Amino acid sequence: MNVPYYPIAFGAVLFGVLIALCVIRAHHSKERAYYIGGLVSGLMLLALISAFLLQFILFIVFVAAAFIVSVVGFPKIGEAILREAVTQRQETNVSEPLKARELLTWKGWFKLASQFGVRKTMYVYILFNMGITGTGLFILSIVGLISALYAPAIVIIVAGASIVLFRRQIEKNLLETI
């Protein structure tokens, strides 16, 4: 059986980076819930290593464990993200000009929503997420790590998730203060 080395190597690097980002975020924000993301990424890294070693049963066990940890930890992570958004909303001065780097945090989206309204900002947020995801997937399909057929489906999933995330974070926080 031929092992797809490049996708496994890409996934291993990706999950390794995600582990580091989750641990750093958990350490800096003092939110233990972010360690759950690191644990899920670690389990997926182990699943990829199992696939590389052609250990199908271990692969299934690690993927199932990652799924279970994700489902069990989802409420805790959601609460942590909501607390972080509330903190950022309290720290945001909407009268200050928007900086480009603030679009990587909730602060920028709060500023846009207070200036242009929730609905217009939600459309921009969705397009922003779809653009970043689509660009990344386009690059991956050019390199040959993923099929170009998967990219549109993933972008649509990201759009749907963006709507849910936006409504939960922005609307709840802004409607309380505006």
N, C-alpha and C. Protein backbone atom coordinates (compact mmCIF):
# COMPACT_ATOMS: atom_id res chain seq x y z
N MET A 1 0.84 -1.18 0.00
CA MET A 1 0.00 0.00 0.00
C MET A 1 0.89 1.24 0.00
N ASN A 2 0.56 2.19 -0.87
CA ASN A 2 1.32 3.43 -0.94
C ASN A 2 0.79 4.42 0.09
N VAL A 3 1.69 4.99 0.85
CA VAL A 3 1.33 5.97 1.86
C VAL A 3 1.46 7.36 1.23
N PRO A 4 0.42 8.20 1.35
CA PRO A 4 0.51 9.55 0.80
C PRO A 4 1.37 10.44 1.71
N TYR A 5 2.66 10.51 1.42
CA TYR A 5 3.60 11.18 2.32
C TYR A 5 3.36 12.68 2.45
N TYR A 6 3.11 13.37 1.35
CA TYR A 6 2.98 14.83 1.42
C TYR A 6 1.76 15.28 2.24
N PRO A 7 0.58 14.70 2.02
CA PRO A 7 -0.54 15.12 2.87
C PRO A 7 -0.32 14.79 4.34
N ILE A 8 0.30 13.64 4.62
CA ILE A 8 0.56 13.28 6.02
C ILE A 8 1.57 14.25 6.63
N ALA A 9 2.60 14.59 5.88
CA ALA A 9 3.60 15.54 6.38
C ALA A 9 2.97 16.91 6.59
N PHE A 10 2.13 17.34 5.65
CA PHE A 10 1.45 18.63 5.80
C PHE A 10 0.55 18.62 7.03
N GLY A 11 -0.23 17.56 7.19
CA GLY A 11 -1.11 17.44 8.35
C GLY A 11 -0.33 17.42 9.65
N ALA A 12 0.81 16.73 9.67
CA ALA A 12 1.62 16.67 10.88
C ALA A 12 2.14 18.05 11.25
N VAL A 13 2.60 18.79 10.26
CA VAL A 13 3.08 20.16 10.52
C VAL A 13 1.92 21.03 10.99
N LEU A 14 0.78 20.92 10.32
CA LEU A 14 -0.39 21.71 10.68
C LEU A 14 -0.82 21.43 12.12
N PHE A 15 -0.95 20.16 12.48
CA PHE A 15 -1.38 19.84 13.84
C PHE A 15 -0.33 20.20 14.88
N GLY A 16 0.94 20.10 14.51
CA GLY A 16 2.00 20.55 15.42
C GLY A 16 1.90 22.04 15.69
N VAL A 17 1.64 22.83 14.64
CA VAL A 17 1.48 24.27 14.81
C VAL A 17 0.24 24.57 15.65
N LEU A 18 -0.85 23.83 15.39
CA LEU A 18 -2.07 24.04 16.17
C LEU A 18 -1.87 23.72 17.65
N ILE A 19 -1.11 22.68 17.94
CA ILE A 19 -0.80 22.36 19.33
C ILE A 19 -0.10 23.55 19.99
N ALA A 20 0.92 24.06 19.32
CA ALA A 20 1.67 25.20 19.87
C ALA A 20 0.78 26.41 20.05
N LEU A 21 -0.06 26.73 19.06
CA LEU A 21 -0.94 27.90 19.16
C LEU A 21 -1.94 27.74 20.30
N CYS A 22 -2.50 26.56 20.46
CA CYS A 22 -3.47 26.34 21.54
C CYS A 22 -2.82 26.47 22.91
N VAL A 23 -1.63 25.92 23.06
CA VAL A 23 -0.93 26.00 24.35
C VAL A 23 -0.55 27.45 24.65
N ILE A 24 -0.06 28.17 23.65
CA ILE A 24 0.30 29.58 23.85
C ILE A 24 -0.93 30.41 24.20
N ARG A 25 -2.03 30.19 23.47
CA ARG A 25 -3.25 30.94 23.75
C ARG A 25 -3.79 30.62 25.15
N ALA A 26 -3.74 29.37 25.54
CA ALA A 26 -4.20 28.97 26.87
C ALA A 26 -3.34 29.60 27.94
N HIS A 27 -2.04 29.64 27.70
CA HIS A 27 -1.12 30.21 28.69
C HIS A 27 -1.32 31.72 28.82
N HIS A 28 -1.43 32.42 27.70
CA HIS A 28 -1.56 33.88 27.74
C HIS A 28 -2.93 34.34 28.24
N SER A 29 -3.98 33.64 27.84
CA SER A 29 -5.32 34.06 28.26
C SER A 29 -5.74 33.44 29.59
N LYS A 30 -4.93 32.53 30.10
CA LYS A 30 -5.21 31.84 31.37
C LYS A 30 -6.56 31.12 31.32
N GLU A 31 -6.94 30.67 30.13
CA GLU A 31 -8.16 29.88 29.92
C GLU A 31 -7.76 28.43 29.68
N ARG A 32 -8.07 27.57 30.62
CA ARG A 32 -7.69 26.17 30.50
C ARG A 32 -8.45 25.47 29.38
N ALA A 33 -9.58 26.03 28.96
CA ALA A 33 -10.38 25.38 27.92
C ALA A 33 -9.63 25.29 26.59
N TYR A 34 -8.69 26.20 26.36
CA TYR A 34 -7.95 26.17 25.09
C TYR A 34 -6.99 24.98 25.02
N TYR A 35 -6.68 24.38 26.14
CA TYR A 35 -5.86 23.17 26.11
C TYR A 35 -6.60 22.01 25.42
N ILE A 36 -7.94 22.08 25.42
CA ILE A 36 -8.72 21.04 24.75
C ILE A 36 -8.39 21.02 23.26
N GLY A 37 -8.25 22.19 22.65
CA GLY A 37 -7.87 22.25 21.24
C GLY A 37 -6.50 21.65 21.01
N GLY A 38 -5.58 21.89 21.93
CA GLY A 38 -4.25 21.29 21.83
C GLY A 38 -4.31 19.78 21.95
N LEU A 39 -5.18 19.28 22.84
CA LEU A 39 -5.34 17.84 23.01
C LEU A 39 -5.91 17.20 21.75
N VAL A 40 -6.92 17.84 21.17
CA VAL A 40 -7.52 17.32 19.93
C VAL A 40 -6.48 17.31 18.81
N SER A 41 -5.70 18.39 18.70
CA SER A 41 -4.65 18.45 17.68
C SER A 41 -3.60 17.37 17.92
N GLY A 42 -3.26 17.14 19.17
CA GLY A 42 -2.30 16.09 19.50
C GLY A 42 -2.81 14.71 19.13
N LEU A 43 -4.09 14.46 19.39
CA LEU A 43 -4.68 13.17 19.02
C LEU A 43 -4.71 13.00 17.50
N MET A 44 -4.98 14.07 16.79
CA MET A 44 -4.97 13.98 15.33
C MET A 44 -3.56 13.79 14.79
N LEU A 45 -2.58 14.39 15.45
CA LEU A 45 -1.19 14.15 15.07
C LEU A 45 -0.82 12.69 15.26
N LEU A 46 -1.24 12.12 16.38
CA LEU A 46 -1.01 10.69 16.62
C LEU A 46 -1.73 9.83 15.59
N ALA A 47 -2.93 10.26 15.17
CA ALA A 47 -3.66 9.52 14.14
C ALA A 47 -2.89 9.55 12.82
N LEU A 48 -2.32 10.68 12.48
CA LEU A 48 -1.53 10.76 11.24
C LEU A 48 -0.28 9.89 11.30
N ILE A 49 0.35 9.89 12.46
CA ILE A 49 1.54 9.03 12.63
C ILE A 49 1.13 7.57 12.49
N SER A 50 -0.03 7.21 13.05
CA SER A 50 -0.53 5.84 12.92
C SER A 50 -0.82 5.50 11.46
N ALA A 51 -1.38 6.46 10.72
CA ALA A 51 -1.65 6.21 9.30
C ALA A 51 -0.35 6.04 8.54
N PHE A 52 0.65 6.83 8.88
CA PHE A 52 1.95 6.72 8.22
C PHE A 52 2.56 5.34 8.47
N LEU A 53 2.37 4.83 9.67
CA LEU A 53 2.92 3.51 10.04
C LEU A 53 1.98 2.36 9.65
N LEU A 54 0.90 2.71 8.94
CA LEU A 54 -0.09 1.72 8.47
C LEU A 54 -0.75 0.96 9.61
N GLN A 55 -1.00 1.64 10.70
CA GLN A 55 -1.68 1.06 11.85
C GLN A 55 -3.13 1.56 11.85
N PHE A 56 -3.98 0.88 11.08
CA PHE A 56 -5.34 1.33 10.86
C PHE A 56 -6.17 1.38 12.14
N ILE A 57 -6.04 0.39 12.99
CA ILE A 57 -6.83 0.35 14.23
C ILE A 57 -6.46 1.53 15.14
N LEU A 58 -5.17 1.79 15.29
CA LEU A 58 -4.76 2.95 16.09
C LEU A 58 -5.25 4.25 15.48
N PHE A 59 -5.22 4.33 14.17
CA PHE A 59 -5.72 5.52 13.48
C PHE A 59 -7.17 5.77 13.86
N ILE A 60 -8.00 4.74 13.78
CA ILE A 60 -9.42 4.86 14.11
C ILE A 60 -9.60 5.25 15.58
N VAL A 61 -8.82 4.64 16.47
CA VAL A 61 -8.91 4.94 17.90
C VAL A 61 -8.59 6.42 18.15
N PHE A 62 -7.51 6.92 17.55
CA PHE A 62 -7.12 8.32 17.78
C PHE A 62 -8.13 9.30 17.19
N VAL A 63 -8.65 9.00 16.02
CA VAL A 63 -9.66 9.89 15.41
C VAL A 63 -10.93 9.88 16.26
N ALA A 64 -11.35 8.70 16.73
CA ALA A 64 -12.54 8.61 17.58
C ALA A 64 -12.32 9.37 18.89
N ALA A 65 -11.13 9.22 19.47
CA ALA A 65 -10.83 9.95 20.72
C ALA A 65 -10.85 11.45 20.48
N ALA A 66 -10.31 11.91 19.36
CA ALA A 66 -10.32 13.34 19.04
C ALA A 66 -11.75 13.83 18.88
N PHE A 67 -12.58 13.04 18.24
CA PHE A 67 -13.98 13.41 18.06
C PHE A 67 -14.70 13.52 19.41
N ILE A 68 -14.48 12.53 20.26
CA ILE A 68 -15.14 12.53 21.58
C ILE A 68 -14.68 13.72 22.41
N VAL A 69 -13.37 13.98 22.44
CA VAL A 69 -12.86 15.13 23.20
C VAL A 69 -13.41 16.43 22.64
N SER A 70 -13.54 16.53 21.31
CA SER A 70 -14.10 17.73 20.69
C SER A 70 -15.55 17.95 21.10
N VAL A 71 -16.34 16.90 21.06
CA VAL A 71 -17.75 17.02 21.40
C VAL A 71 -17.93 17.35 22.88
N VAL A 72 -17.17 16.68 23.74
CA VAL A 72 -17.28 16.93 25.18
C VAL A 72 -16.76 18.32 25.54
N GLY A 73 -15.69 18.76 24.89
CA GLY A 73 -15.08 20.05 25.23
C GLY A 73 -15.68 21.24 24.54
N PHE A 74 -16.57 21.02 23.56
CA PHE A 74 -17.13 22.13 22.79
C PHE A 74 -17.81 23.19 23.66
N PRO A 75 -18.65 22.82 24.62
CA PRO A 75 -19.28 23.86 25.45
C PRO A 75 -18.27 24.69 26.24
N LYS A 76 -17.23 24.06 26.76
CA LYS A 76 -16.22 24.80 27.52
C LYS A 76 -15.46 25.78 26.63
N ILE A 77 -15.13 25.34 25.42
CA ILE A 77 -14.43 26.22 24.50
C ILE A 77 -15.34 27.37 24.08
N GLY A 78 -16.61 27.09 23.83
CA GLY A 78 -17.56 28.14 23.47
C GLY A 78 -17.70 29.18 24.56
N GLU A 79 -17.75 28.74 25.80
CA GLU A 79 -17.84 29.68 26.93
C GLU A 79 -16.57 30.52 27.04
N ALA A 80 -15.43 29.90 26.82
CA ALA A 80 -14.16 30.63 26.89
C ALA A 80 -14.08 31.69 25.79
N ILE A 81 -14.52 31.34 24.59
CA ILE A 81 -14.51 32.30 23.48
C ILE A 81 -15.47 33.44 23.77
N LEU A 82 -16.63 33.13 24.34
CA LEU A 82 -17.59 34.18 24.68
C LEU A 82 -17.03 35.11 25.75
N ARG A 83 -16.38 34.55 26.77
CA ARG A 83 -15.76 35.40 27.80
C ARG A 83 -14.69 36.29 27.20
N GLU A 84 -13.90 35.73 26.27
CA GLU A 84 -12.86 36.52 25.63
C GLU A 84 -13.46 37.65 24.80
N ALA A 85 -14.56 37.37 24.10
CA ALA A 85 -15.22 38.39 23.30
C ALA A 85 -15.79 39.50 24.19
N VAL A 86 -16.37 39.12 25.32
CA VAL A 86 -16.91 40.12 26.24
C VAL A 86 -15.78 41.02 26.77
N THR A 87 -14.65 40.41 27.12
CA THR A 87 -13.50 41.18 27.59
C THR A 87 -13.01 42.13 26.51
N GLN A 88 -12.90 41.64 25.28
CA GLN A 88 -12.44 42.50 24.19
C GLN A 88 -13.45 43.61 23.90
N ARG A 89 -14.73 43.33 24.05
CA ARG A 89 -15.76 44.37 23.83
C ARG A 89 -15.61 45.47 24.87
N GLN A 90 -15.32 45.10 26.11
CA GLN A 90 -15.15 46.09 27.16
C GLN A 90 -13.90 46.93 26.95
N GLU A 91 -12.88 46.35 26.32
CA GLU A 91 -11.63 47.06 26.07
C GLU A 91 -11.67 47.90 24.79
N THR A 92 -12.69 47.71 23.96
CA THR A 92 -12.73 48.35 22.65
C THR A 92 -13.33 49.74 22.76
N ASN A 93 -12.62 50.70 22.20
CA ASN A 93 -13.12 52.06 22.06
C ASN A 93 -13.52 52.22 20.61
N VAL A 94 -14.83 52.21 20.34
CA VAL A 94 -15.30 52.21 18.96
C VAL A 94 -15.06 53.54 18.26
N SER A 95 -14.71 54.58 18.98
CA SER A 95 -14.45 55.87 18.35
C SER A 95 -13.03 55.95 17.76
N GLU A 96 -12.15 55.04 18.17
CA GLU A 96 -10.79 55.02 17.62
C GLU A 96 -10.83 54.47 16.20
N PRO A 97 -9.90 54.88 15.35
CA PRO A 97 -9.87 54.34 13.98
C PRO A 97 -9.51 52.86 13.97
N LEU A 98 -10.03 52.17 12.98
CA LEU A 98 -9.79 50.74 12.83
C LEU A 98 -8.39 50.49 12.28
N LYS A 99 -7.69 49.57 12.90
CA LYS A 99 -6.38 49.14 12.42
C LYS A 99 -6.55 47.78 11.75
N ALA A 100 -5.78 47.54 10.69
CA ALA A 100 -5.93 46.29 9.94
C ALA A 100 -5.71 45.06 10.81
N ARG A 101 -4.77 45.13 11.73
CA ARG A 101 -4.49 43.95 12.56
C ARG A 101 -5.64 43.65 13.52
N GLU A 102 -6.51 44.63 13.77
CA GLU A 102 -7.65 44.39 14.65
C GLU A 102 -8.70 43.49 14.02
N LEU A 103 -8.62 43.29 12.71
CA LEU A 103 -9.55 42.37 12.06
C LEU A 103 -9.24 40.92 12.40
N LEU A 104 -8.08 40.69 13.03
CA LEU A 104 -7.73 39.35 13.48
C LEU A 104 -8.23 39.09 14.90
N THR A 105 -8.83 40.10 15.51
CA THR A 105 -9.42 39.97 16.84
C THR A 105 -10.88 40.43 16.76
N TRP A 106 -11.61 40.24 17.85
CA TRP A 106 -13.00 40.70 17.86
C TRP A 106 -13.09 42.22 17.93
N LYS A 107 -12.05 42.89 18.39
CA LYS A 107 -12.10 44.35 18.53
C LYS A 107 -12.41 45.03 17.21
N GLY A 108 -11.75 44.62 16.15
CA GLY A 108 -11.99 45.22 14.84
C GLY A 108 -13.40 45.01 14.35
N TRP A 109 -13.93 43.82 14.60
CA TRP A 109 -15.29 43.53 14.14
C TRP A 109 -16.32 44.29 14.97
N PHE A 110 -16.03 44.52 16.26
CA PHE A 110 -16.92 45.35 17.06
C PHE A 110 -16.94 46.78 16.54
N LYS A 111 -15.77 47.30 16.17
CA LYS A 111 -15.69 48.66 15.63
C LYS A 111 -16.46 48.77 14.32
N LEU A 112 -16.29 47.79 13.43
CA LEU A 112 -17.02 47.82 12.17
C LEU A 112 -18.52 47.72 12.39
N ALA A 113 -18.94 46.85 13.29
CA ALA A 113 -20.36 46.66 13.54
C ALA A 113 -21.00 47.90 14.15
N SER A 114 -20.27 48.59 15.00
CA SER A 114 -20.84 49.80 15.58
C SER A 114 -20.91 50.94 14.57
N GLN A 115 -20.04 50.90 13.55
CA GLN A 115 -20.03 51.96 12.54
C GLN A 115 -20.98 51.67 11.39
N PHE A 116 -21.00 50.42 10.90
CA PHE A 116 -21.77 50.09 9.70
C PHE A 116 -23.01 49.24 9.96
N GLY A 117 -23.17 48.77 11.17
CA GLY A 117 -24.30 47.93 11.49
C GLY A 117 -23.92 46.46 11.49
N VAL A 118 -24.71 45.68 12.17
CA VAL A 118 -24.41 44.26 12.37
C VAL A 118 -24.52 43.48 11.06
N ARG A 119 -25.56 43.74 10.28
CA ARG A 119 -25.79 42.95 9.07
C ARG A 119 -24.67 43.16 8.04
N LYS A 120 -24.28 44.40 7.77
CA LYS A 120 -23.21 44.65 6.80
C LYS A 120 -21.88 44.08 7.29
N THR A 121 -21.63 44.20 8.58
CA THR A 121 -20.39 43.68 9.13
C THR A 121 -20.37 42.16 9.05
N MET A 122 -21.53 41.52 9.23
CA MET A 122 -21.59 40.07 9.12
C MET A 122 -21.22 39.63 7.71
N TYR A 123 -21.70 40.34 6.69
CA TYR A 123 -21.35 39.99 5.31
C TYR A 123 -19.86 40.15 5.07
N VAL A 124 -19.28 41.21 5.59
CA VAL A 124 -17.84 41.42 5.42
C VAL A 124 -17.06 40.33 6.16
N TYR A 125 -17.52 39.96 7.35
CA TYR A 125 -16.87 38.91 8.14
C TYR A 125 -16.89 37.58 7.39
N ILE A 126 -18.04 37.25 6.81
CA ILE A 126 -18.16 36.00 6.06
C ILE A 126 -17.23 36.02 4.85
N LEU A 127 -17.25 37.12 4.10
CA LEU A 127 -16.37 37.23 2.93
C LEU A 127 -14.90 37.19 3.32
N PHE A 128 -14.55 37.81 4.44
CA PHE A 128 -13.18 37.79 4.95
C PHE A 128 -12.74 36.36 5.24
N ASN A 129 -13.57 35.61 5.97
CA ASN A 129 -13.24 34.22 6.30
C ASN A 129 -13.20 33.34 5.06
N MET A 130 -14.14 33.54 4.15
CA MET A 130 -14.15 32.76 2.92
C MET A 130 -12.93 33.08 2.06
N GLY A 131 -12.54 34.35 2.03
CA GLY A 131 -11.37 34.74 1.24
C GLY A 131 -10.09 34.13 1.77
N ILE A 132 -9.91 34.19 3.07
CA ILE A 132 -8.70 33.59 3.66
C ILE A 132 -8.69 32.08 3.45
N THR A 133 -9.82 31.44 3.72
CA THR A 133 -9.90 29.99 3.55
C THR A 133 -9.73 29.60 2.08
N GLY A 134 -10.41 30.30 1.19
CA GLY A 134 -10.31 30.00 -0.23
C GLY A 134 -8.91 30.18 -0.77
N THR A 135 -8.22 31.24 -0.33
CA THR A 135 -6.84 31.46 -0.77
C THR A 135 -5.94 30.33 -0.30
N GLY A 136 -6.07 29.95 0.96
CA GLY A 136 -5.26 28.84 1.48
C GLY A 136 -5.53 27.54 0.75
N LEU A 137 -6.81 27.25 0.50
CA LEU A 137 -7.16 26.02 -0.20
C LEU A 137 -6.70 26.05 -1.66
N PHE A 138 -6.76 27.22 -2.29
CA PHE A 138 -6.28 27.35 -3.66
C PHE A 138 -4.79 27.05 -3.74
N ILE A 139 -4.04 27.59 -2.79
CA ILE A 139 -2.59 27.32 -2.75
C ILE A 139 -2.34 25.83 -2.52
N LEU A 140 -3.09 25.23 -1.61
CA LEU A 140 -2.91 23.80 -1.35
C LEU A 140 -3.29 22.94 -2.56
N SER A 141 -4.28 23.37 -3.31
CA SER A 141 -4.65 22.59 -4.50
C SER A 141 -3.63 22.75 -5.61
N ILE A 142 -3.00 23.92 -5.71
CA ILE A 142 -1.95 24.11 -6.71
C ILE A 142 -0.74 23.23 -6.38
N VAL A 143 -0.40 23.16 -5.10
CA VAL A 143 0.73 22.33 -4.67
C VAL A 143 0.40 20.85 -4.81
N GLY A 144 -0.88 20.52 -4.80
CA GLY A 144 -1.30 19.13 -4.97
C GLY A 144 -1.59 18.41 -3.67
N LEU A 145 -1.73 19.18 -2.58
CA LEU A 145 -1.99 18.54 -1.29
C LEU A 145 -3.46 18.19 -1.08
N ILE A 146 -4.34 18.93 -1.76
CA ILE A 146 -5.77 18.60 -1.69
C ILE A 146 -6.34 18.65 -3.10
N SER A 147 -7.48 18.04 -3.26
CA SER A 147 -8.17 18.07 -4.54
C SER A 147 -8.93 19.38 -4.67
N ALA A 148 -8.94 19.93 -5.86
CA ALA A 148 -9.65 21.19 -6.09
C ALA A 148 -11.15 21.02 -5.91
N LEU A 149 -11.65 19.78 -5.90
CA LEU A 149 -13.07 19.54 -5.71
C LEU A 149 -13.51 19.75 -4.27
N TYR A 150 -12.59 19.59 -3.32
CA TYR A 150 -12.93 19.77 -1.90
C TYR A 150 -13.01 21.23 -1.51
N ALA A 151 -12.28 22.08 -2.18
CA ALA A 151 -12.17 23.48 -1.79
C ALA A 151 -13.52 24.20 -1.70
N PRO A 152 -14.40 24.13 -2.72
CA PRO A 152 -15.67 24.84 -2.60
C PRO A 152 -16.52 24.35 -1.42
N ALA A 153 -16.52 23.05 -1.17
CA ALA A 153 -17.31 22.52 -0.05
C ALA A 153 -16.77 23.05 1.27
N ILE A 154 -15.46 23.09 1.41
CA ILE A 154 -14.87 23.58 2.65
C ILE A 154 -15.16 25.07 2.82
N VAL A 155 -15.10 25.84 1.74
CA VAL A 155 -15.39 27.27 1.82
C VAL A 155 -16.85 27.50 2.22
N ILE A 156 -17.76 26.68 1.73
CA ILE A 156 -19.17 26.80 2.11
C ILE A 156 -19.36 26.46 3.58
N ILE A 157 -18.66 25.44 4.07
CA ILE A 157 -18.73 25.09 5.49
C ILE A 157 -18.19 26.24 6.34
N VAL A 158 -17.11 26.86 5.90
CA VAL A 158 -16.54 28.00 6.63
C VAL A 158 -17.54 29.16 6.65
N ALA A 159 -18.24 29.39 5.55
CA ALA A 159 -19.24 30.46 5.51
C ALA A 159 -20.34 30.20 6.53
N GLY A 160 -20.82 28.96 6.59
CA GLY A 160 -21.86 28.63 7.57
C GLY A 160 -21.37 28.78 9.00
N ALA A 161 -20.16 28.31 9.26
CA ALA A 161 -19.60 28.45 10.60
C ALA A 161 -19.38 29.91 10.95
N SER A 162 -19.02 30.73 9.96
CA SER A 162 -18.80 32.15 10.20
C SER A 162 -20.09 32.85 10.64
N ILE A 163 -21.20 32.45 10.04
CA ILE A 163 -22.48 33.04 10.41
C ILE A 163 -22.80 32.73 11.86
N VAL A 164 -22.62 31.48 12.25
CA VAL A 164 -22.91 31.07 13.62
C VAL A 164 -22.00 31.80 14.59
N LEU A 165 -20.71 31.81 14.29
CA LEU A 165 -19.74 32.46 15.17
C LEU A 165 -20.04 33.95 15.29
N PHE A 166 -20.30 34.60 14.18
CA PHE A 166 -20.56 36.03 14.19
C PHE A 166 -21.80 36.35 15.01
N ARG A 167 -22.87 35.64 14.76
CA ARG A 167 -24.11 35.91 15.48
C ARG A 167 -23.92 35.72 16.99
N ARG A 168 -23.18 34.70 17.35
CA ARG A 168 -23.00 34.42 18.77
C ARG A 168 -22.16 35.48 19.46
N GLN A 169 -21.10 35.90 18.80
CA GLN A 169 -20.16 36.82 19.46
C GLN A 169 -20.55 38.28 19.28
N ILE A 170 -20.71 38.72 18.07
CA ILE A 170 -20.92 40.13 17.79
C ILE A 170 -22.30 40.59 18.22
N GLU A 171 -23.34 39.90 17.76
CA GLU A 171 -24.69 40.37 18.07
C GLU A 171 -24.96 40.39 19.57
N LYS A 172 -24.57 39.33 20.27
CA LYS A 172 -24.83 39.30 21.72
C LYS A 172 -24.10 40.43 22.43
N ASN A 173 -22.86 40.69 22.04
CA ASN A 173 -22.09 41.73 22.70
C ASN A 173 -22.51 43.12 22.30
N LEU A 174 -22.80 43.32 21.02
CA LEU A 174 -23.15 44.66 20.56
C LEU A 174 -24.56 45.06 20.94
N LEU A 175 -25.49 44.15 20.84
CA LEU A 175 -26.86 44.51 21.14
C LEU A 175 -27.05 44.87 22.60
N GLU A 176 -26.16 44.37 23.46
CA GLU A 176 -26.24 44.73 24.87
C GLU A 176 -25.75 46.16 25.13
N THR A 177 -24.86 46.65 24.25
CA THR A 177 -24.23 47.93 24.53
C THR A 177 -24.71 49.06 23.63
N ILE A 178 -25.32 48.73 22.49
CA ILE A 178 -25.74 49.80 21.57
C ILE A 178 -27.17 50.22 21.88
